[in-house]
Amino acid sequence: ASGRAFGSYAMAWFRQAPGLEREFVAAISKSGGSTSYADSVKGRSTIS
């Protein structure tokens, strides 16, 4: 990320496969203290 105050932004990953809608993958709070995962990737993925 470029720009100022990156630590003020919550961040997330989404994905989109051909012919499908964009779907949530994982998210992390601005402090990094809270995370959330889609069931499809939980246990296999780590957001940091």
All heavy atoms as atom14 arrays in JSON, in Angstrom:
{
  "sequence": "ASGRAFGSYAMAWFRQAPGLEREFVAAISKSGGSTSYADSVKGRSTIS",
  "atom14_mask": [
    [1, 1, 1, 1, 1, 0, 0, 0, 0, 0, 0, 0, 0, 0],
    [1, 1, 1, 1, 1, 1, 0, 0, 0, 0, 0, 0, 0, 0],
    [1, 1, 1, 1, 0, 0, 0, 0, 0, 0, 0, 0, 0, 0],
    [1, 1, 1, 1, 1, 1, 1, 1, 1, 1, 1, 0, 0, 0],
    [1, 1, 1, 1, 1, 0, 0, 0, 0, 0, 0, 0, 0, 0],
    [1, 1, 1, 1, 1, 1, 1, 1, 1, 1, 1, 0, 0, 0],
    [1, 1, 1, 1, 0, 0, 0, 0, 0, 0, 0, 0, 0, 0],
    [1, 1, 1, 1, 1, 1, 0, 0, 0, 0, 0, 0, 0, 0],
    [1, 1, 1, 1, 1, 1, 1, 1, 1, 1, 1, 1, 0, 0],
    [1, 1, 1, 1, 1, 0, 0, 0, 0, 0, 0, 0, 0, 0],
    [1, 1, 1, 1, 1, 1, 1, 1, 0, 0, 0, 0, 0, 0],
    [1, 1, 1, 1, 1, 0, 0, 0, 0, 0, 0, 0, 0, 0],
    [1, 1, 1, 1, 1, 1, 1, 1, 1, 1, 1, 1, 1, 1],
    [1, 1, 1, 1, 1, 1, 1, 1, 1, 1, 1, 0, 0, 0],
    [1, 1, 1, 1, 1, 1, 1, 1, 1, 1, 1, 0, 0, 0],
    [1, 1, 1, 1, 1, 1, 1, 1, 1, 0, 0, 0, 0, 0],
    [1, 1, 1, 1, 1, 0, 0, 0, 0, 0, 0, 0, 0, 0],
    [1, 1, 1, 1, 1, 1, 1, 0, 0, 0, 0, 0, 0, 0],
    [1, 1, 1, 1, 0, 0, 0, 0, 0, 0, 0, 0, 0, 0],
    [1, 1, 1, 1, 1, 1, 1, 1, 0, 0, 0, 0, 0, 0],
    [1, 1, 1, 1, 1, 1, 1, 1, 1, 0, 0, 0, 0, 0],
    [1, 1, 1, 1, 1, 1, 1, 1, 1, 1, 1, 0, 0, 0],
    [1, 1, 1, 1, 1, 1, 1, 1, 1, 0, 0, 0, 0, 0],
    [1, 1, 1, 1, 1, 1, 1, 1, 1, 1, 1, 0, 0, 0],
    [1, 1, 1, 1, 1, 1, 1, 0, 0, 0, 0, 0, 0, 0],
    [1, 1, 1, 1, 1, 0, 0, 0, 0, 0, 0, 0, 0, 0],
    [1, 1, 1, 1, 1, 0, 0, 0, 0, 0, 0, 0, 0, 0],
    [1, 1, 1, 1, 1, 1, 1, 1, 0, 0, 0, 0, 0, 0],
    [1, 1, 1, 1, 1, 1, 0, 0, 0, 0, 0, 0, 0, 0],
    [1, 1, 1, 1, 1, 1, 1, 1, 1, 0, 0, 0, 0, 0],
    [1, 1, 1, 1, 1, 1, 0, 0, 0, 0, 0, 0, 0, 0],
    [1, 1, 1, 1, 0, 0, 0, 0, 0, 0, 0, 0, 0, 0],
    [1, 1, 1, 1, 0, 0, 0, 0, 0, 0, 0, 0, 0, 0],
    [1, 1, 1, 1, 1, 1, 0, 0, 0, 0, 0, 0, 0, 0],
    [1, 1, 1, 1, 1, 1, 1, 0, 0, 0, 0, 0, 0, 0],
    [1, 1, 1, 1, 1, 1, 0, 0, 0, 0, 0, 0, 0, 0],
    [1, 1, 1, 1, 1, 1, 1, 1, 1, 1, 1, 1, 0, 0],
    [1, 1, 1, 1, 1, 0, 0, 0, 0, 0, 0, 0, 0, 0],
    [1, 1, 1, 1, 1, 1, 1, 1, 0, 0, 0, 0, 0, 0],
    [1, 1, 1, 1, 1, 1, 0, 0, 0, 0, 0, 0, 0, 0],
    [1, 1, 1, 1, 1, 1, 1, 0, 0, 0, 0, 0, 0, 0],
    [1, 1, 1, 1, 1, 1, 1, 1, 1, 0, 0, 0, 0, 0],
    [1, 1, 1, 1, 0, 0, 0, 0, 0, 0, 0, 0, 0, 0],
    [1, 1, 1, 1, 1, 1, 1, 1, 1, 1, 1, 0, 0, 0],
    [1, 1, 1, 1, 1, 1, 0, 0, 0, 0, 0, 0, 0, 0],
    [1, 1, 1, 1, 1, 1, 1, 0, 0, 0, 0, 0, 0, 0],
    [1, 1, 1, 1, 1, 1, 1, 1, 0, 0, 0, 0, 0, 0],
    [1, 1, 1, 1, 1, 1, 0, 0, 0, 0, 0, 0, 0, 0]
  ],
  "atom14_positions": [
    [[0.83, -1.2, 0.0], [0.0, 0.0, 0.0], [0.86, 1.24, 0.0], [1.85, 1.32, 0.75], [-0.91, 0.0, 1.21], [0.0, 0.0, 0.0], [0.0, 0.0, 0.0], [0.0, 0.0, 0.0], [0.0, 0.0, 0.0], [0.0, 0.0, 0.0], [0.0, 0.0, 0.0], [0.0, 0.0, 0.0], [0.0, 0.0, 0.0], [0.0, 0.0, 0.0]],
    [[0.51, 2.17, -0.84], [1.16, 3.48, -0.82], [0.17, 4.5, -0.28], [-1.03, 4.28, -0.3], [1.62, 3.87, -2.22], [0.51, 3.95, -3.09], [0.0, 0.0, 0.0], [0.0, 0.0, 0.0], [0.0, 0.0, 0.0], [0.0, 0.0, 0.0], [0.0, 0.0, 0.0], [0.0, 0.0, 0.0], [0.0, 0.0, 0.0], [0.0, 0.0, 0.0]],
    [[0.68, 5.59, 0.18], [-0.19, 6.57, 0.8], [0.07, 6.61, 2.3], [0.92, 5.89, 2.81], [0.0, 0.0, 0.0], [0.0, 0.0, 0.0], [0.0, 0.0, 0.0], [0.0, 0.0, 0.0], [0.0, 0.0, 0.0], [0.0, 0.0, 0.0], [0.0, 0.0, 0.0], [0.0, 0.0, 0.0], [0.0, 0.0, 0.0], [0.0, 0.0, 0.0]],
    [[-0.69, 7.41, 2.97], [-0.43, 7.64, 4.39], [-1.33, 6.81, 5.3], [-2.37, 6.34, 4.88], [-0.65, 9.13, 4.69], [0.25, 10.04, 3.88], [-0.09, 11.49, 4.14], [0.17, 11.85, 5.52], [-0.07, 13.07, 6.0], [-0.59, 13.99, 5.22], [0.2, 13.35, 7.25], [0.0, 0.0, 0.0], [0.0, 0.0, 0.0], [0.0, 0.0, 0.0]],
    [[-0.87, 6.61, 6.51], [-1.7, 6.03, 7.57], [-2.21, 4.64, 7.24], [-3.4, 4.35, 7.46], [-2.87, 6.97, 7.89], [0.0, 0.0, 0.0], [0.0, 0.0, 0.0], [0.0, 0.0, 0.0], [0.0, 0.0, 0.0], [0.0, 0.0, 0.0], [0.0, 0.0, 0.0], [0.0, 0.0, 0.0], [0.0, 0.0, 0.0], [0.0, 0.0, 0.0]],
    [[-1.33, 3.78, 6.74], [-1.74, 2.4, 6.44], [-2.34, 1.74, 7.67], [-3.28, 0.94, 7.56], [-0.52, 1.62, 5.95], [-0.79, 0.16, 5.69], [-1.56, -0.23, 4.6], [-0.27, -0.82, 6.51], [-1.81, -1.57, 4.34], [-0.51, -2.16, 6.27], [-1.28, -2.54, 5.19], [0.0, 0.0, 0.0], [0.0, 0.0, 0.0], [0.0, 0.0, 0.0]],
    [[-1.84, 2.07, 8.82], [-2.33, 1.46, 10.06], [-3.74, 1.88, 10.43], [-4.28, 1.37, 11.42], [0.0, 0.0, 0.0], [0.0, 0.0, 0.0], [0.0, 0.0, 0.0], [0.0, 0.0, 0.0], [0.0, 0.0, 0.0], [0.0, 0.0, 0.0], [0.0, 0.0, 0.0], [0.0, 0.0, 0.0], [0.0, 0.0, 0.0], [0.0, 0.0, 0.0]],
    [[-4.34, 2.74, 9.67], [-5.73, 3.16, 9.91], [-6.72, 2.43, 9.03], [-7.91, 2.7, 9.08], [-5.87, 4.67, 9.66], [-5.07, 5.41, 10.58], [0.0, 0.0, 0.0], [0.0, 0.0, 0.0], [0.0, 0.0, 0.0], [0.0, 0.0, 0.0], [0.0, 0.0, 0.0], [0.0, 0.0, 0.0], [0.0, 0.0, 0.0], [0.0, 0.0, 0.0]],
    [[-6.22, 1.5, 8.22], [-7.06, 0.79, 7.27], [-7.22, -0.68, 7.66], [-6.23, -1.38, 7.92], [-6.44, 0.83, 5.86], [-6.47, 2.19, 5.22], [-5.51, 3.15, 5.51], [-7.47, 2.52, 4.31], [-5.54, 4.4, 4.93], [-7.51, 3.77, 3.71], [-6.54, 4.7, 4.03], [-6.58, 5.94, 3.44], [0.0, 0.0, 0.0], [0.0, 0.0, 0.0]],
    [[-8.46, -1.12, 7.68], [-8.72, -2.55, 7.7], [-8.47, -3.07, 6.28], [-8.74, -2.38, 5.3], [-10.14, -2.84, 8.13], [0.0, 0.0, 0.0], [0.0, 0.0, 0.0], [0.0, 0.0, 0.0], [0.0, 0.0, 0.0], [0.0, 0.0, 0.0], [0.0, 0.0, 0.0], [0.0, 0.0, 0.0], [0.0, 0.0, 0.0], [0.0, 0.0, 0.0]],
    [[-7.96, -4.29, 6.21], [-7.57, -4.86, 4.92], [-8.23, -6.21, 4.7], [-8.57, -6.92, 5.67], [-6.04, -5.04, 4.86], [-5.24, -3.78, 5.13], [-5.46, -2.54, 3.86], [-4.76, -3.4, 2.44], [0.0, 0.0, 0.0], [0.0, 0.0, 0.0], [0.0, 0.0, 0.0], [0.0, 0.0, 0.0], [0.0, 0.0, 0.0], [0.0, 0.0, 0.0]],
    [[-8.37, -6.57, 3.45], [-8.99, -7.85, 3.14], [-8.5, -8.38, 1.8], [-7.96, -7.62, 0.98], [-10.51, -7.72, 3.12], [0.0, 0.0, 0.0], [0.0, 0.0, 0.0], [0.0, 0.0, 0.0], [0.0, 0.0, 0.0], [0.0, 0.0, 0.0], [0.0, 0.0, 0.0], [0.0, 0.0, 0.0], [0.0, 0.0, 0.0], [0.0, 0.0, 0.0]],
    [[-8.69, -9.67, 1.63], [-8.47, -10.32, 0.35], [-9.81, -10.88, -0.14], [-10.54, -11.51, 0.64], [-7.46, -11.45, 0.47], [-6.06, -11.0, 0.69], [-5.43, -10.82, 1.89], [-5.1, -10.66, -0.31], [-4.14, -10.39, 1.69], [-3.91, -10.28, 0.34], [-5.12, -10.65, -1.71], [-2.76, -9.9, -0.34], [-3.97, -10.26, -2.39], [-2.81, -9.89, -1.71]],
    [[-10.07, -10.67, -1.41], [-11.21, -11.26, -2.09], [-10.67, -11.97, -3.32], [-9.53, -11.76, -3.73], [-12.22, -10.18, -2.51], [-12.9, -9.51, -1.35], [-12.28, -8.48, -0.66], [-14.16, -9.93, -0.94], [-12.91, -7.87, 0.42], [-14.78, -9.32, 0.14], [-14.16, -8.29, 0.82], [0.0, 0.0, 0.0], [0.0, 0.0, 0.0], [0.0, 0.0, 0.0]],
    [[-11.49, -12.82, -3.92], [-11.08, -13.5, -5.13], [-12.27, -13.62, -6.07], [-13.43, -13.62, -5.63], [-10.48, -14.87, -4.84], [-11.46, -15.89, -4.27], [-10.71, -17.15, -3.86], [-11.62, -18.17, -3.38], [-11.22, -19.33, -2.85], [-9.91, -19.6, -2.74], [-12.11, -20.2, -2.43], [0.0, 0.0, 0.0], [0.0, 0.0, 0.0], [0.0, 0.0, 0.0]],
    [[-11.94, -13.75, -7.34], [-12.98, -13.91, -8.35], [-12.51, -14.9, -9.39], [-11.49, -14.67, -10.06], [-13.34, -12.57, -8.99], [-14.54, -12.67, -9.91], [-15.08, -11.31, -10.29], [-14.39, -10.29, -10.18], [-16.33, -11.26, -10.72], [0.0, 0.0, 0.0], [0.0, 0.0, 0.0], [0.0, 0.0, 0.0], [0.0, 0.0, 0.0], [0.0, 0.0, 0.0]],
    [[-13.26, -15.97, -9.53], [-12.98, -16.98, -10.54], [-13.83, -16.67, -11.77], [-14.86, -16.0, -11.68], [-13.31, -18.37, -10.01], [0.0, 0.0, 0.0], [0.0, 0.0, 0.0], [0.0, 0.0, 0.0], [0.0, 0.0, 0.0], [0.0, 0.0, 0.0], [0.0, 0.0, 0.0], [0.0, 0.0, 0.0], [0.0, 0.0, 0.0], [0.0, 0.0, 0.0]],
    [[-13.41, -17.15, -12.94], [-14.16, -16.86, -14.17], [-15.61, -17.29, -14.06], [-15.91, -18.41, -13.63], [-13.42, -17.69, -15.23], [-12.03, -17.82, -14.7], [-12.18, -17.91, -13.22], [0.0, 0.0, 0.0], [0.0, 0.0, 0.0], [0.0, 0.0, 0.0], [0.0, 0.0, 0.0], [0.0, 0.0, 0.0], [0.0, 0.0, 0.0], [0.0, 0.0, 0.0]],
    [[-16.51, -16.38, -14.4], [-17.92, -16.68, -14.39], [-18.58, -16.63, -13.03], [-19.79, -16.86, -12.92], [0.0, 0.0, 0.0], [0.0, 0.0, 0.0], [0.0, 0.0, 0.0], [0.0, 0.0, 0.0], [0.0, 0.0, 0.0], [0.0, 0.0, 0.0], [0.0, 0.0, 0.0], [0.0, 0.0, 0.0], [0.0, 0.0, 0.0], [0.0, 0.0, 0.0]],
    [[-17.81, -16.32, -12.01], [-18.35, -16.29, -10.66], [-18.23, -14.89, -10.07], [-17.46, -14.06, -10.54], [-17.62, -17.29, -9.77], [-17.7, -18.76, -10.18], [-16.91, -19.62, -9.2], [-19.15, -19.24, -10.27], [0.0, 0.0, 0.0], [0.0, 0.0, 0.0], [0.0, 0.0, 0.0], [0.0, 0.0, 0.0], [0.0, 0.0, 0.0], [0.0, 0.0, 0.0]],
    [[-18.99, -14.64, -9.02], [-18.93, -13.36, -8.35], [-17.7, -13.29, -7.44], [-17.16, -14.31, -7.02], [-20.2, -13.14, -7.51], [-21.45, -12.97, -8.34], [-22.65, -12.58, -7.5], [-22.52, -12.52, -6.27], [-23.71, -12.33, -8.08], [0.0, 0.0, 0.0], [0.0, 0.0, 0.0], [0.0, 0.0, 0.0], [0.0, 0.0, 0.0], [0.0, 0.0, 0.0]],
    [[-17.3, -12.07, -7.16], [-16.18, -11.87, -6.24], [-16.58, -12.39, -4.86], [-17.7, -12.14, -4.39], [-15.83, -10.38, -6.17], [-14.55, -10.07, -5.45], [-14.16, -8.62, -5.66], [-13.88, -8.32, -7.06], [-13.33, -7.18, -7.48], [-13.01, -6.23, -6.6], [-13.11, -6.98, -8.76], [0.0, 0.0, 0.0], [0.0, 0.0, 0.0], [0.0, 0.0, 0.0]],
    [[-15.68, -13.12, -4.22], [-16.0, -13.68, -2.92], [-14.92, -13.34, -1.9], [-13.75, -13.17, -2.23], [-16.17, -15.2, -2.99], [-14.93, -15.97, -3.34], [-15.11, -17.48, -3.2], [-16.15, -17.94, -2.71], [-14.17, -18.21, -3.57], [0.0, 0.0, 0.0], [0.0, 0.0, 0.0], [0.0, 0.0, 0.0], [0.0, 0.0, 0.0], [0.0, 0.0, 0.0]],
    [[-15.35, -13.26, -0.67], [-14.48, -12.96, 0.45], [-13.51, -14.12, 0.71], [-13.9, -15.29, 0.61], [-15.33, -12.7, 1.69], [-14.55, -12.62, 2.97], [-13.81, -11.49, 3.28], [-14.57, -13.67, 3.87], [-13.09, -11.42, 4.45], [-13.86, -13.61, 5.05], [-13.12, -12.48, 5.36], [0.0, 0.0, 0.0], [0.0, 0.0, 0.0], [0.0, 0.0, 0.0]],
    [[-12.28, -13.79, 1.04], [-11.29, -14.79, 1.41], [-10.85, -14.61, 2.86], [-10.97, -15.51, 3.67], [-10.05, -14.73, 0.48], [-9.01, -15.75, 0.93], [-10.44, -14.97, -0.96], [0.0, 0.0, 0.0], [0.0, 0.0, 0.0], [0.0, 0.0, 0.0], [0.0, 0.0, 0.0], [0.0, 0.0, 0.0], [0.0, 0.0, 0.0], [0.0, 0.0, 0.0]],
    [[-10.35, -13.43, 3.18], [-9.85, -13.18, 4.54], [-9.78, -11.68, 4.78], [-9.66, -10.89, 3.84], [-8.47, -13.81, 4.73], [0.0, 0.0, 0.0], [0.0, 0.0, 0.0], [0.0, 0.0, 0.0], [0.0, 0.0, 0.0], [0.0, 0.0, 0.0], [0.0, 0.0, 0.0], [0.0, 0.0, 0.0], [0.0, 0.0, 0.0], [0.0, 0.0, 0.0]],
    [[-9.87, -11.3, 6.05], [-9.77, -9.89, 6.43], [-8.98, -9.76, 7.72], [-8.92, -10.7, 8.53], [-11.16, -9.28, 6.6], [0.0, 0.0, 0.0], [0.0, 0.0, 0.0], [0.0, 0.0, 0.0], [0.0, 0.0, 0.0], [0.0, 0.0, 0.0], [0.0, 0.0, 0.0], [0.0, 0.0, 0.0], [0.0, 0.0, 0.0], [0.0, 0.0, 0.0]],
    [[-8.41, -8.58, 7.9], [-7.63, -8.31, 9.11], [-7.89, -6.88, 9.54], [-8.0, -5.96, 8.72], [-6.13, -8.57, 8.84], [-5.32, -8.5, 10.12], [-5.57, -7.65, 7.76], [-3.9, -9.06, 9.98], [0.0, 0.0, 0.0], [0.0, 0.0, 0.0], [0.0, 0.0, 0.0], [0.0, 0.0, 0.0], [0.0, 0.0, 0.0], [0.0, 0.0, 0.0]],
    [[-8.02, -6.69, 10.84], [-8.27, -5.36, 11.38], [-7.03, -4.48, 11.24], [-5.94, -4.98, 10.96], [-8.68, -5.46, 12.84], [-7.62, -6.03, 13.6], [0.0, 0.0, 0.0], [0.0, 0.0, 0.0], [0.0, 0.0, 0.0], [0.0, 0.0, 0.0], [0.0, 0.0, 0.0], [0.0, 0.0, 0.0], [0.0, 0.0, 0.0], [0.0, 0.0, 0.0]],
    [[-7.22, -3.2, 11.49], [-6.11, -2.29, 11.26], [-4.94, -2.53, 12.2], [-3.79, -2.25, 11.85], [-6.58, -0.84, 11.34], [-7.14, -0.42, 12.7], [-7.55, 1.05, 12.62], [-8.02, 1.57, 13.95], [-8.35, 3.03, 13.88], [0.0, 0.0, 0.0], [0.0, 0.0, 0.0], [0.0, 0.0, 0.0], [0.0, 0.0, 0.0], [0.0, 0.0, 0.0]],
    [[-5.23, -3.06, 13.37], [-4.16, -3.37, 14.32], [-3.56, -4.74, 14.08], [-2.49, -5.06, 14.6], [-4.7, -3.3, 15.74], [-5.63, -4.35, 15.96], [0.0, 0.0, 0.0], [0.0, 0.0, 0.0], [0.0, 0.0, 0.0], [0.0, 0.0, 0.0], [0.0, 0.0, 0.0], [0.0, 0.0, 0.0], [0.0, 0.0, 0.0], [0.0, 0.0, 0.0]],
    [[-4.28, -5.57, 13.33], [-3.86, -6.96, 13.12], [-4.38, -7.9, 14.18], [-4.16, -9.1, 14.11], [0.0, 0.0, 0.0], [0.0, 0.0, 0.0], [0.0, 0.0, 0.0], [0.0, 0.0, 0.0], [0.0, 0.0, 0.0], [0.0, 0.0, 0.0], [0.0, 0.0, 0.0], [0.0, 0.0, 0.0], [0.0, 0.0, 0.0], [0.0, 0.0, 0.0]],
    [[-5.09, -7.37, 15.15], [-5.55, -8.18, 16.27], [-6.76, -9.04, 15.98], [-7.02, -10.01, 16.69], [0.0, 0.0, 0.0], [0.0, 0.0, 0.0], [0.0, 0.0, 0.0], [0.0, 0.0, 0.0], [0.0, 0.0, 0.0], [0.0, 0.0, 0.0], [0.0, 0.0, 0.0], [0.0, 0.0, 0.0], [0.0, 0.0, 0.0], [0.0, 0.0, 0.0]],
    [[-7.51, -8.68, 14.94], [-8.69, -9.45, 14.58], [-8.57, -9.92, 13.13], [-8.16, -9.14, 12.27], [-9.96, -8.61, 14.72], [-10.17, -8.26, 16.07], [0.0, 0.0, 0.0], [0.0, 0.0, 0.0], [0.0, 0.0, 0.0], [0.0, 0.0, 0.0], [0.0, 0.0, 0.0], [0.0, 0.0, 0.0], [0.0, 0.0, 0.0], [0.0, 0.0, 0.0]],
    [[-8.94, -11.16, 12.9], [-8.94, -11.7, 11.56], [-10.24, -12.47, 11.31], [-10.93, -12.88, 12.26], [-7.75, -12.65, 11.32], [-7.8, -13.7, 12.29], [-6.43, -11.91, 11.42], [0.0, 0.0, 0.0], [0.0, 0.0, 0.0], [0.0, 0.0, 0.0], [0.0, 0.0, 0.0], [0.0, 0.0, 0.0], [0.0, 0.0, 0.0], [0.0, 0.0, 0.0]],
    [[-10.53, -12.66, 10.04], [-11.73, -13.4, 9.65], [-11.41, -14.15, 8.37], [-10.68, -13.62, 7.51], [-12.89, -12.42, 9.43], [-14.06, -13.09, 9.04], [0.0, 0.0, 0.0], [0.0, 0.0, 0.0], [0.0, 0.0, 0.0], [0.0, 0.0, 0.0], [0.0, 0.0, 0.0], [0.0, 0.0, 0.0], [0.0, 0.0, 0.0], [0.0, 0.0, 0.0]],
    [[-11.94, -15.37, 8.25], [-11.66, -16.19, 7.09], [-12.94, -16.79, 6.52], [-13.87, -17.13, 7.27], [-10.72, -17.35, 7.47], [-9.34, -16.91, 7.91], [-9.07, -16.67, 9.25], [-8.33, -16.72, 6.98], [-7.81, -16.25, 9.66], [-7.07, -16.31, 7.37], [-6.81, -16.08, 8.72], [-5.57, -15.67, 9.12], [0.0, 0.0, 0.0], [0.0, 0.0, 0.0]],
    [[-12.96, -16.96, 5.22], [-14.02, -17.73, 4.59], [-13.84, -19.2, 4.98], [-12.72, -19.68, 5.16], [-13.95, -17.57, 3.08], [0.0, 0.0, 0.0], [0.0, 0.0, 0.0], [0.0, 0.0, 0.0], [0.0, 0.0, 0.0], [0.0, 0.0, 0.0], [0.0, 0.0, 0.0], [0.0, 0.0, 0.0], [0.0, 0.0, 0.0], [0.0, 0.0, 0.0]],
    [[-14.95, -19.89, 5.09], [-14.89, -21.3, 5.45], [-14.05, -22.1, 4.46], [-13.4, -23.08, 4.83], [-16.3, -21.88, 5.53], [-17.07, -21.39, 6.74], [-16.45, -20.85, 7.68], [-18.32, -21.54, 6.74], [0.0, 0.0, 0.0], [0.0, 0.0, 0.0], [0.0, 0.0, 0.0], [0.0, 0.0, 0.0], [0.0, 0.0, 0.0], [0.0, 0.0, 0.0]],
    [[-14.08, -21.67, 3.21], [-13.39, -22.41, 2.16], [-11.87, -22.38, 2.31], [-11.17, -23.23, 1.75], [-13.77, -21.86, 0.79], [-13.46, -20.48, 0.7], [0.0, 0.0, 0.0], [0.0, 0.0, 0.0], [0.0, 0.0, 0.0], [0.0, 0.0, 0.0], [0.0, 0.0, 0.0], [0.0, 0.0, 0.0], [0.0, 0.0, 0.0], [0.0, 0.0, 0.0]],
    [[-11.34, -21.41, 3.04], [-9.88, -21.3, 3.2], [-9.43, -21.42, 4.64], [-8.23, -21.48, 4.92], [-9.34, -19.98, 2.61], [-9.74, -19.85, 1.14], [-9.81, -18.78, 3.41], [0.0, 0.0, 0.0], [0.0, 0.0, 0.0], [0.0, 0.0, 0.0], [0.0, 0.0, 0.0], [0.0, 0.0, 0.0], [0.0, 0.0, 0.0], [0.0, 0.0, 0.0]],
    [[-10.38, -21.46, 5.56], [-10.03, -21.51, 6.98], [-9.19, -22.76, 7.27], [-9.51, -23.86, 6.8], [-11.29, -21.51, 7.82], [-11.07, -21.29, 9.3], [-12.39, -21.21, 10.05], [-13.21, -20.02, 9.63], [-14.47, -19.92, 10.37], [0.0, 0.0, 0.0], [0.0, 0.0, 0.0], [0.0, 0.0, 0.0], [0.0, 0.0, 0.0], [0.0, 0.0, 0.0]],
    [[-8.13, -22.58, 8.03], [-7.24, -23.69, 8.33], [-6.14, -23.89, 7.31], [-5.17, -24.61, 7.56], [0.0, 0.0, 0.0], [0.0, 0.0, 0.0], [0.0, 0.0, 0.0], [0.0, 0.0, 0.0], [0.0, 0.0, 0.0], [0.0, 0.0, 0.0], [0.0, 0.0, 0.0], [0.0, 0.0, 0.0], [0.0, 0.0, 0.0], [0.0, 0.0, 0.0]],
    [[-6.3, -23.28, 6.13], [-5.3, -23.41, 5.07], [-4.62, -22.08, 4.76], [-3.62, -22.05, 4.03], [-5.93, -23.92, 3.78], [-6.62, -25.25, 3.87], [-7.02, -25.76, 2.49], [-8.05, -24.95, 1.86], [-7.91, -24.34, 0.68], [-6.77, -24.43, 0.0], [-8.92, -23.64, 0.16], [0.0, 0.0, 0.0], [0.0, 0.0, 0.0], [0.0, 0.0, 0.0]],
    [[-5.18, -21.0, 5.28], [-4.68, -19.68, 4.91], [-4.47, -18.83, 6.16], [-5.15, -19.0, 7.17], [-5.68, -18.97, 4.0], [-5.85, -19.69, 2.8], [0.0, 0.0, 0.0], [0.0, 0.0, 0.0], [0.0, 0.0, 0.0], [0.0, 0.0, 0.0], [0.0, 0.0, 0.0], [0.0, 0.0, 0.0], [0.0, 0.0, 0.0], [0.0, 0.0, 0.0]],
    [[-3.53, -17.9, 6.03], [-3.25, -16.97, 7.12], [-3.09, -15.57, 6.54], [-2.27, -15.36, 5.63], [-1.97, -17.35, 7.86], [-2.09, -18.67, 8.38], [-1.72, -16.38, 9.03], [0.0, 0.0, 0.0], [0.0, 0.0, 0.0], [0.0, 0.0, 0.0], [0.0, 0.0, 0.0], [0.0, 0.0, 0.0], [0.0, 0.0, 0.0], [0.0, 0.0, 0.0]],
    [[-3.87, -14.64, 7.07], [-3.71, -13.24, 6.69], [-2.91, -12.54, 7.79], [-3.11, -12.8, 8.98], [-5.08, -12.55, 6.47], [-4.88, -11.16, 5.89], [-5.92, -12.54, 7.73], [-6.19, -10.49, 5.42], [0.0, 0.0, 0.0], [0.0, 0.0, 0.0], [0.0, 0.0, 0.0], [0.0, 0.0, 0.0], [0.0, 0.0, 0.0], [0.0, 0.0, 0.0]],
    [[-2.01, -11.69, 7.38], [-1.19, -10.95, 8.34], [-0.85, -9.6, 7.73], [-1.07, -9.37, 6.55], [0.08, -11.73, 8.69], [0.87, -11.95, 7.54], [0.0, 0.0, 0.0], [0.0, 0.0, 0.0], [0.0, 0.0, 0.0], [0.0, 0.0, 0.0], [0.0, 0.0, 0.0], [0.0, 0.0, 0.0], [0.0, 0.0, 0.0], [0.0, 0.0, 0.0]]
  ]
}
